[in-house]
Amino acid sequence: MNKSNSKPAPTLLAGILYKMARHGYEAELKPDRFYIYLIIGHVRPLSPETIAILRENGFEHCFLDKVTYTDADGAIRSRSHFRRPH
């Protein structure tokens, strides 16, 4: 029997959320029946490195909201939506 070196999903998701918060992003997870959705609030466009890390962890970019919002600190942010199968 082979043991997988991959991290369990909750550990992986916690690590991603921690890294996103450290870099000033707002992040929200919304699980549903088939996917885990990750919504990222950002002031500047997401860097290619951020998108690459998310892809390595099974998240695919769905779309960028055309509507912006203002966070609690008054910064205007955009939202990017990613999803990953359960």
PDB file of N, CA and C in Angstrom:
ATOM      1  N   MET A   1       0.834  -1.166   0.000  1.00  0.00           N
ATOM      2  CA  MET A   1       0.000   0.000   0.000  1.00  0.00           C
ATOM      3  C   MET A   1       0.889   1.243   0.000  1.00  0.00           C
ATOM      4  N   ASN A   2       0.633   2.154  -0.910  1.00  0.00           N
ATOM      5  CA  ASN A   2       1.398   3.388  -1.005  1.00  0.00           C
ATOM      6  C   ASN A   2       0.756   4.480  -0.168  1.00  0.00           C
ATOM      7  N   LYS A   3       1.588   5.229   0.531  1.00  0.00           N
ATOM      8  CA  LYS A   3       1.094   6.376   1.276  1.00  0.00           C
ATOM      9  C   LYS A   3       1.280   7.608   0.422  1.00  0.00           C
ATOM     10  N   SER A   4       0.264   8.448   0.391  1.00  0.00           N
ATOM     11  CA  SER A   4       0.327   9.684  -0.369  1.00  0.00           C
ATOM     12  C   SER A   4       1.076  10.740   0.432  1.00  0.00           C
ATOM     13  N   ASN A   5       1.862  11.549  -0.259  1.00  0.00           N
ATOM     14  CA  ASN A   5       2.566  12.646   0.383  1.00  0.00           C
ATOM     15  C   ASN A   5       1.739  13.919   0.380  1.00  0.00           C
ATOM     16  N   SER A   6       0.531  13.868  -0.178  1.00  0.00           N
ATOM     17  CA  SER A   6      -0.286  15.073  -0.244  1.00  0.00           C
ATOM     18  C   SER A   6      -0.896  15.368   1.115  1.00  0.00           C
ATOM     19  N   LYS A   7      -1.126  16.664   1.357  1.00  0.00           N
ATOM     20  CA  LYS A   7      -1.709  17.103   2.619  1.00  0.00           C
ATOM     21  C   LYS A   7      -3.213  16.882   2.584  1.00  0.00           C
ATOM     22  N   PRO A   8      -3.821  16.642   3.751  1.00  0.00           N
ATOM     23  CA  PRO A   8      -5.283  16.551   3.796  1.00  0.00           C
ATOM     24  C   PRO A   8      -5.908  17.879   3.380  1.00  0.00           C
ATOM     25  N   ALA A   9      -7.103  17.828   2.805  1.00  0.00           N
ATOM     26  CA  ALA A   9      -7.755  19.027   2.272  1.00  0.00           C
ATOM     27  C   ALA A   9      -7.873  20.158   3.290  1.00  0.00           C
ATOM     28  N   PRO A  10      -8.318  19.924   4.541  1.00  0.00           N
ATOM     29  CA  PRO A  10      -8.413  21.046   5.485  1.00  0.00           C
ATOM     30  C   PRO A  10      -7.070  21.716   5.760  1.00  0.00           C
ATOM     31  N   THR A  11      -5.999  20.930   5.851  1.00  0.00           N
ATOM     32  CA  THR A  11      -4.663  21.484   6.083  1.00  0.00           C
ATOM     33  C   THR A  11      -4.221  22.307   4.886  1.00  0.00           C
ATOM     34  N   LEU A  12      -4.455  21.803   3.707  1.00  0.00           N
ATOM     35  CA  LEU A  12      -4.108  22.505   2.477  1.00  0.00           C
ATOM     36  C   LEU A  12      -4.851  23.832   2.380  1.00  0.00           C
ATOM     37  N   LEU A  13      -6.154  23.815   2.624  1.00  0.00           N
ATOM     38  CA  LEU A  13      -6.956  25.028   2.530  1.00  0.00           C
ATOM     39  C   LEU A  13      -6.562  26.043   3.597  1.00  0.00           C
ATOM     40  N   ALA A  14      -6.264  25.591   4.795  1.00  0.00           N
ATOM     41  CA  ALA A  14      -5.824  26.498   5.859  1.00  0.00           C
ATOM     42  C   ALA A  14      -4.514  27.172   5.465  1.00  0.00           C
ATOM     43  N   GLY A  15      -3.611  26.430   4.873  1.00  0.00           N
ATOM     44  CA  GLY A  15      -2.338  27.005   4.421  1.00  0.00           C
ATOM     45  C   GLY A  15      -2.529  28.044   3.336  1.00  0.00           C
ATOM     46  N   ILE A  16      -3.429  27.779   2.405  1.00  0.00           N
ATOM     47  CA  ILE A  16      -3.705  28.730   1.332  1.00  0.00           C
ATOM     48  C   ILE A  16      -4.313  30.010   1.907  1.00  0.00           C
ATOM     49  N   LEU A  17      -5.293  29.873   2.805  1.00  0.00           N
ATOM     50  CA  LEU A  17      -5.920  31.055   3.406  1.00  0.00           C
ATOM     51  C   LEU A  17      -4.909  31.877   4.195  1.00  0.00           C
ATOM     52  N   TYR A  18      -4.025  31.204   4.916  1.00  0.00           N
ATOM     53  CA  TYR A  18      -3.004  31.901   5.687  1.00  0.00           C
ATOM     54  C   TYR A  18      -2.080  32.706   4.766  1.00  0.00           C
ATOM     55  N   LYS A  19      -1.626  32.095   3.694  1.00  0.00           N
ATOM     56  CA  LYS A  19      -0.736  32.787   2.757  1.00  0.00           C
ATOM     57  C   LYS A  19      -1.438  33.971   2.094  1.00  0.00           C
ATOM     58  N   MET A  20      -2.720  33.795   1.754  1.00  0.00           N
ATOM     59  CA  MET A  20      -3.469  34.874   1.116  1.00  0.00           C
ATOM     60  C   MET A  20      -3.591  36.066   2.080  1.00  0.00           C
ATOM     61  N   ALA A  21      -3.912  35.785   3.335  1.00  0.00           N
ATOM     62  CA  ALA A  21      -4.064  36.850   4.329  1.00  0.00           C
ATOM     63  C   ALA A  21      -2.739  37.567   4.580  1.00  0.00           C
ATOM     64  N   ARG A  22      -1.657  36.816   4.595  1.00  0.00           N
ATOM     65  CA  ARG A  22      -0.334  37.432   4.806  1.00  0.00           C
ATOM     66  C   ARG A  22       0.019  38.415   3.703  1.00  0.00           C
ATOM     67  N   HIS A  23      -0.482  38.180   2.511  1.00  0.00           N
ATOM     68  CA  HIS A  23      -0.181  39.062   1.381  1.00  0.00           C
ATOM     69  C   HIS A  23      -1.246  40.128   1.166  1.00  0.00           C
ATOM     70  N   GLY A  24      -2.136  40.317   2.136  1.00  0.00           N
ATOM     71  CA  GLY A  24      -3.103  41.402   2.081  1.00  0.00           C
ATOM     72  C   GLY A  24      -4.376  41.110   1.307  1.00  0.00           C
ATOM     73  N   TYR A  25      -4.624  39.859   0.969  1.00  0.00           N
ATOM     74  CA  TYR A  25      -5.852  39.499   0.261  1.00  0.00           C
ATOM     75  C   TYR A  25      -6.945  39.159   1.259  1.00  0.00           C
ATOM     76  N   GLU A  26      -8.179  39.399   0.881  1.00  0.00           N
ATOM     77  CA  GLU A  26      -9.312  38.874   1.627  1.00  0.00           C
ATOM     78  C   GLU A  26      -9.681  37.566   0.946  1.00  0.00           C
ATOM     79  N   ALA A  27      -9.924  36.538   1.717  1.00  0.00           N
ATOM     80  CA  ALA A  27     -10.247  35.235   1.131  1.00  0.00           C
ATOM     81  C   ALA A  27     -11.447  34.638   1.835  1.00  0.00           C
ATOM     82  N   GLU A  28     -12.298  34.004   1.052  1.00  0.00           N
ATOM     83  CA  GLU A  28     -13.495  33.362   1.585  1.00  0.00           C
ATOM     84  C   GLU A  28     -13.670  32.018   0.891  1.00  0.00           C
ATOM     85  N   LEU A  29     -13.943  30.987   1.681  1.00  0.00           N
ATOM     86  CA  LEU A  29     -14.214  29.656   1.140  1.00  0.00           C
ATOM     87  C   LEU A  29     -15.710  29.397   1.210  1.00  0.00           C
ATOM     88  N   LYS A  30     -16.254  28.868   0.121  1.00  0.00           N
ATOM     89  CA  LYS A  30     -17.666  28.500   0.077  1.00  0.00           C
ATOM     90  C   LYS A  30     -17.779  27.099  -0.511  1.00  0.00           C
ATOM     91  N   PRO A  31     -17.879  26.095   0.350  1.00  0.00           N
ATOM     92  CA  PRO A  31     -18.049  24.736  -0.178  1.00  0.00           C
ATOM     93  C   PRO A  31     -19.499  24.495  -0.595  1.00  0.00           C
ATOM     94  N   ASP A  32     -19.675  23.734  -1.651  1.00  0.00           N
ATOM     95  CA  ASP A  32     -21.011  23.253  -2.013  1.00  0.00           C
ATOM     96  C   ASP A  32     -20.900  21.771  -2.288  1.00  0.00           C
ATOM     97  N   ARG A  33     -21.848  21.232  -2.967  1.00  0.00           N
ATOM     98  CA  ARG A  33     -21.911  19.780  -3.154  1.00  0.00           C
ATOM     99  C   ARG A  33     -20.758  19.220  -3.989  1.00  0.00           C
ATOM    100  N   PHE A  34     -20.346  19.957  -5.007  1.00  0.00           N
ATOM    101  CA  PHE A  34     -19.335  19.433  -5.930  1.00  0.00           C
ATOM    102  C   PHE A  34     -17.995  20.162  -5.874  1.00  0.00           C
ATOM    103  N   TYR A  35     -18.002  21.430  -5.482  1.00  0.00           N
ATOM    104  CA  TYR A  35     -16.780  22.235  -5.523  1.00  0.00           C
ATOM    105  C   TYR A  35     -16.562  22.971  -4.212  1.00  0.00           C
ATOM    106  N   ILE A  36     -15.325  23.394  -4.023  1.00  0.00           N
ATOM    107  CA  ILE A  36     -14.981  24.364  -2.994  1.00  0.00           C
ATOM    108  C   ILE A  36     -14.636  25.638  -3.757  1.00  0.00           C
ATOM    109  N   TYR A  37     -15.365  26.685  -3.490  1.00  0.00           N
ATOM    110  CA  TYR A  37     -15.132  27.963  -4.151  1.00  0.00           C
ATOM    111  C   TYR A  37     -14.267  28.829  -3.258  1.00  0.00           C
ATOM    112  N   LEU A  38     -13.282  29.471  -3.847  1.00  0.00           N
ATOM    113  CA  LEU A  38     -12.399  30.401  -3.161  1.00  0.00           C
ATOM    114  C   LEU A  38     -12.592  31.758  -3.806  1.00  0.00           C
ATOM    115  N   ILE A  39     -13.062  32.728  -3.020  1.00  0.00           N
ATOM    116  CA  ILE A  39     -13.270  34.081  -3.516  1.00  0.00           C
ATOM    117  C   ILE A  39     -12.195  34.948  -2.881  1.00  0.00           C
ATOM    118  N   ILE A  40     -11.410  35.618  -3.710  1.00  0.00           N
ATOM    119  CA  ILE A  40     -10.290  36.417  -3.239  1.00  0.00           C
ATOM    120  C   ILE A  40     -10.572  37.882  -3.534  1.00  0.00           C
ATOM    121  N   GLY A  41     -10.517  38.712  -2.491  1.00  0.00           N
ATOM    122  CA  GLY A  41     -10.631  40.157  -2.646  1.00  0.00           C
ATOM    123  C   GLY A  41      -9.234  40.745  -2.743  1.00  0.00           C
ATOM    124  N   HIS A  42      -9.008  41.566  -3.766  1.00  0.00           N
ATOM    125  CA  HIS A  42      -7.668  42.110  -3.971  1.00  0.00           C
ATOM    126  C   HIS A  42      -7.735  43.535  -4.499  1.00  0.00           C
ATOM    127  N   VAL A  43      -6.748  44.350  -4.081  1.00  0.00           N
ATOM    128  CA  VAL A  43      -6.657  45.737  -4.513  1.00  0.00           C
ATOM    129  C   VAL A  43      -5.984  45.800  -5.883  1.00  0.00           C
ATOM    130  N   ARG A  44      -4.876  45.080  -6.024  1.00  0.00           N
ATOM    131  CA  ARG A  44      -4.147  45.014  -7.299  1.00  0.00           C
ATOM    132  C   ARG A  44      -4.468  43.692  -7.982  1.00  0.00           C
ATOM    133  N   PRO A  45      -4.232  43.598  -9.281  1.00  0.00           N
ATOM    134  CA  PRO A  45      -4.449  42.302  -9.955  1.00  0.00           C
ATOM    135  C   PRO A  45      -3.614  41.205  -9.294  1.00  0.00           C
ATOM    136  N   LEU A  46      -4.140  39.994  -9.330  1.00  0.00           N
ATOM    137  CA  LEU A  46      -3.412  38.861  -8.751  1.00  0.00           C
ATOM    138  C   LEU A  46      -2.137  38.603  -9.543  1.00  0.00           C
ATOM    139  N   SER A  47      -1.079  38.289  -8.823  1.00  0.00           N
ATOM    140  CA  SER A  47       0.200  38.015  -9.490  1.00  0.00           C
ATOM    141  C   SER A  47       0.155  36.641 -10.148  1.00  0.00           C
ATOM    142  N   PRO A  48       0.955  36.453 -11.196  1.00  0.00           N
ATOM    143  CA  PRO A  48       1.031  35.130 -11.827  1.00  0.00           C
ATOM    144  C   PRO A  48       1.477  34.046 -10.846  1.00  0.00           C
ATOM    145  N   GLU A  49       2.324  34.422  -9.864  1.00  0.00           N
ATOM    146  CA  GLU A  49       2.783  33.447  -8.879  1.00  0.00           C
ATOM    147  C   GLU A  49       1.620  32.961  -8.009  1.00  0.00           C
ATOM    148  N   THR A  50       0.739  33.876  -7.622  1.00  0.00           N
ATOM    149  CA  THR A  50      -0.428  33.506  -6.814  1.00  0.00           C
ATOM    150  C   THR A  50      -1.325  32.554  -7.578  1.00  0.00           C
ATOM    151  N   ILE A  51      -1.586  32.870  -8.824  1.00  0.00           N
ATOM    152  CA  ILE A  51      -2.436  32.011  -9.655  1.00  0.00           C
ATOM    153  C   ILE A  51      -1.778  30.648  -9.849  1.00  0.00           C
ATOM    154  N   ALA A  52      -0.457  30.623 -10.043  1.00  0.00           N
ATOM    155  CA  ALA A  52       0.263  29.355 -10.215  1.00  0.00           C
ATOM    156  C   ALA A  52       0.173  28.495  -8.954  1.00  0.00           C
ATOM    157  N   ILE A  53       0.302  29.108  -7.771  1.00  0.00           N
ATOM    158  CA  ILE A  53       0.206  28.348  -6.516  1.00  0.00           C
ATOM    159  C   ILE A  53      -1.188  27.758  -6.366  1.00  0.00           C
ATOM    160  N   LEU A  54      -2.212  28.540  -6.703  1.00  0.00           N
ATOM    161  CA  LEU A  54      -3.575  28.025  -6.607  1.00  0.00           C
ATOM    162  C   LEU A  54      -3.795  26.872  -7.582  1.00  0.00           C
ATOM    163  N   ARG A  55      -3.268  26.996  -8.792  1.00  0.00           N
ATOM    164  CA  ARG A  55      -3.401  25.902  -9.771  1.00  0.00           C
ATOM    165  C   ARG A  55      -2.700  24.641  -9.296  1.00  0.00           C
ATOM    166  N   GLU A  56      -1.514  24.803  -8.696  1.00  0.00           N
ATOM    167  CA  GLU A  56      -0.775  23.645  -8.167  1.00  0.00           C
ATOM    168  C   GLU A  56      -1.579  22.924  -7.093  1.00  0.00           C
ATOM    169  N   ASN A  57      -2.449  23.663  -6.412  1.00  0.00           N
ATOM    170  CA  ASN A  57      -3.260  23.094  -5.337  1.00  0.00           C
ATOM    171  C   ASN A  57      -4.668  22.745  -5.787  1.00  0.00           C
ATOM    172  N   GLY A  58      -4.871  22.662  -7.101  1.00  0.00           N
ATOM    173  CA  GLY A  58      -6.128  22.165  -7.637  1.00  0.00           C
ATOM    174  C   GLY A  58      -7.208  23.192  -7.901  1.00  0.00           C
ATOM    175  N   PHE A  59      -6.923  24.486  -7.704  1.00  0.00           N
ATOM    176  CA  PHE A  59      -7.920  25.521  -7.956  1.00  0.00           C
ATOM    177  C   PHE A  59      -7.798  26.031  -9.382  1.00  0.00           C
ATOM    178  N   GLU A  60      -8.932  26.191 -10.044  1.00  0.00           N
ATOM    179  CA  GLU A  60      -8.936  26.773 -11.381  1.00  0.00           C
ATOM    180  C   GLU A  60      -9.643  28.116 -11.318  1.00  0.00           C
ATOM    181  N   HIS A  61      -9.156  29.068 -12.099  1.00  0.00           N
ATOM    182  CA  HIS A  61      -9.736  30.415 -12.122  1.00  0.00           C
ATOM    183  C   HIS A  61     -11.055  30.372 -12.875  1.00  0.00           C
ATOM    184  N   CYS A  62     -12.115  30.857 -12.245  1.00  0.00           N
ATOM    185  CA  CYS A  62     -13.432  30.874 -12.889  1.00  0.00           C
ATOM    186  C   CYS A  62     -13.683  32.212 -13.573  1.00  0.00           C
ATOM    187  N   PHE A  63     -13.641  33.290 -12.800  1.00  0.00           N
ATOM    188  CA  PHE A  63     -13.881  34.605 -13.390  1.00  0.00           C
ATOM    189  C   PHE A  63     -13.491  35.698 -12.408  1.00  0.00           C
ATOM    190  N   LEU A  64     -13.375  36.920 -12.933  1.00  0.00           N
ATOM    191  CA  LEU A  64     -13.111  38.126 -12.164  1.00  0.00           C
ATOM    192  C   LEU A  64     -14.393  38.938 -12.182  1.00  0.00           C
ATOM    193  N   ASP A  65     -14.893  39.314 -10.995  1.00  0.00           N
ATOM    194  CA  ASP A  65     -16.096  40.156 -10.920  1.00  0.00           C
ATOM    195  C   ASP A  65     -15.830  41.497 -11.581  1.00  0.00           C
ATOM    196  N   LYS A  66     -16.791  41.985 -12.314  1.00  0.00           N
ATOM    197  CA  LYS A  66     -16.702  43.325 -12.897  1.00  0.00           C
ATOM    198  C   LYS A  66     -17.060  44.386 -11.863  1.00  0.00           C
ATOM    199  N   VAL A  67     -17.769  43.967 -10.803  1.00  0.00           N
ATOM    200  CA  VAL A  67     -18.214  44.892  -9.765  1.00  0.00           C
ATOM    201  C   VAL A  67     -17.169  44.924  -8.650  1.00  0.00           C
ATOM    202  N   THR A  68     -16.766  46.125  -8.242  1.00  0.00           N
ATOM    203  CA  THR A  68     -15.820  46.265  -7.138  1.00  0.00           C
ATOM    204  C   THR A  68     -16.599  46.508  -5.844  1.00  0.00           C
ATOM    205  N   TYR A  69     -15.907  46.396  -4.727  1.00  0.00           N
ATOM    206  CA  TYR A  69     -16.513  46.672  -3.426  1.00  0.00           C
ATOM    207  C   TYR A  69     -15.505  47.400  -2.561  1.00  0.00           C
ATOM    208  N   THR A  70     -15.989  48.012  -1.505  1.00  0.00           N
ATOM    209  CA  THR A  70     -15.137  48.727  -0.559  1.00  0.00           C
ATOM    210  C   THR A  70     -15.035  47.896   0.712  1.00  0.00           C
ATOM    211  N   ASP A  71     -13.796  47.624   1.158  1.00  0.00           N
ATOM    212  CA  ASP A  71     -13.621  46.828   2.375  1.00  0.00           C
ATOM    213  C   ASP A  71     -13.766  47.714   3.618  1.00  0.00           C
ATOM    214  N   ALA A  72     -13.592  47.122   4.794  1.00  0.00           N
ATOM    215  CA  ALA A  72     -13.772  47.841   6.060  1.00  0.00           C
ATOM    216  C   ALA A  72     -12.778  48.990   6.227  1.00  0.00           C
ATOM    217  N   ASP A  73     -11.617  48.901   5.584  1.00  0.00           N
ATOM    218  CA  ASP A  73     -10.600  49.951   5.686  1.00  0.00           C
ATOM    219  C   ASP A  73     -10.765  51.039   4.631  1.00  0.00           C
ATOM    220  N   GLY A  74     -11.772  50.906   3.771  1.00  0.00           N
ATOM    221  CA  GLY A  74     -12.021  51.908   2.738  1.00  0.00           C
ATOM    222  C   GLY A  74     -11.313  51.651   1.421  1.00  0.00           C
ATOM    223  N   ALA A  75     -10.600  50.547   1.298  1.00  0.00           N
ATOM    224  CA  ALA A  75      -9.909  50.215   0.040  1.00  0.00           C
ATOM    225  C   ALA A  75     -10.907  49.622  -0.952  1.00  0.00           C
ATOM    226  N   ILE A  76     -10.773  50.001  -2.198  1.00  0.00           N
ATOM    227  CA  ILE A  76     -11.631  49.453  -3.253  1.00  0.00           C
ATOM    228  C   ILE A  76     -10.977  48.178  -3.765  1.00  0.00           C
ATOM    229  N   ARG A  77     -11.732  47.092  -3.733  1.00  0.00           N
ATOM    230  CA  ARG A  77     -11.210  45.774  -4.106  1.00  0.00           C
ATOM    231  C   ARG A  77     -12.029  45.149  -5.224  1.00  0.00           C
ATOM    232  N   SER A  78     -11.379  44.249  -5.920  1.00  0.00           N
ATOM    233  CA  SER A  78     -12.035  43.398  -6.912  1.00  0.00           C
ATOM    234  C   SER A  78     -12.096  41.995  -6.340  1.00  0.00           C
ATOM    235  N   ARG A  79     -12.930  41.151  -6.925  1.00  0.00           N
ATOM    236  CA  ARG A  79     -13.021  39.753  -6.487  1.00  0.00           C
ATOM    237  C   ARG A  79     -12.669  38.827  -7.640  1.00  0.00           C
ATOM    238  N   SER A  80     -11.823  37.851  -7.357  1.00  0.00           N
ATOM    239  CA  SER A  80     -11.549  36.770  -8.294  1.00  0.00           C
ATOM    240  C   SER A  80     -12.112  35.488  -7.713  1.00  0.00           C
ATOM    241  N   HIS A  81     -12.713  34.689  -8.561  1.00  0.00           N
ATOM    242  CA  HIS A  81     -13.348  33.446  -8.127  1.00  0.00           C
ATOM    243  C   HIS A  81     -12.580  32.254  -8.678  1.00  0.00           C
ATOM    244  N   PHE A  82     -12.296  31.304  -7.792  1.00  0.00           N
ATOM    245  CA  PHE A  82     -11.615  30.067  -8.138  1.00  0.00           C
ATOM    246  C   PHE A  82     -12.469  28.924  -7.623  1.00  0.00           C
ATOM    247  N   ARG A  83     -12.280  27.729  -8.194  1.00  0.00           N
ATOM    248  CA  ARG A  83     -12.984  26.566  -7.679  1.00  0.00           C
ATOM    249  C   ARG A  83     -12.089  25.342  -7.765  1.00  0.00           C
ATOM    250  N   ARG A  84     -12.422  24.389  -6.905  1.00  0.00           N
ATOM    251  CA  ARG A  84     -11.682  23.130  -6.847  1.00  0.00           C
ATOM    252  C   ARG A  84     -12.676  22.025  -6.553  1.00  0.00           C
ATOM    253  N   PRO A  85     -12.609  20.917  -7.265  1.00  0.00           N
ATOM    254  CA  PRO A  85     -13.521  19.802  -6.960  1.00  0.00           C
ATOM    255  C   PRO A  85     -13.223  19.256  -5.569  1.00  0.00           C
ATOM    256  N   HIS A  86     -14.250  18.736  -4.917  1.00  0.00           N
ATOM    257  CA  HIS A  86     -14.076  18.108  -3.586  1.00  0.00           C
ATOM    258  C   HIS A  86     -13.171  16.926  -3.685  1.00  0.00           C
TER     259      HIS A  86
END
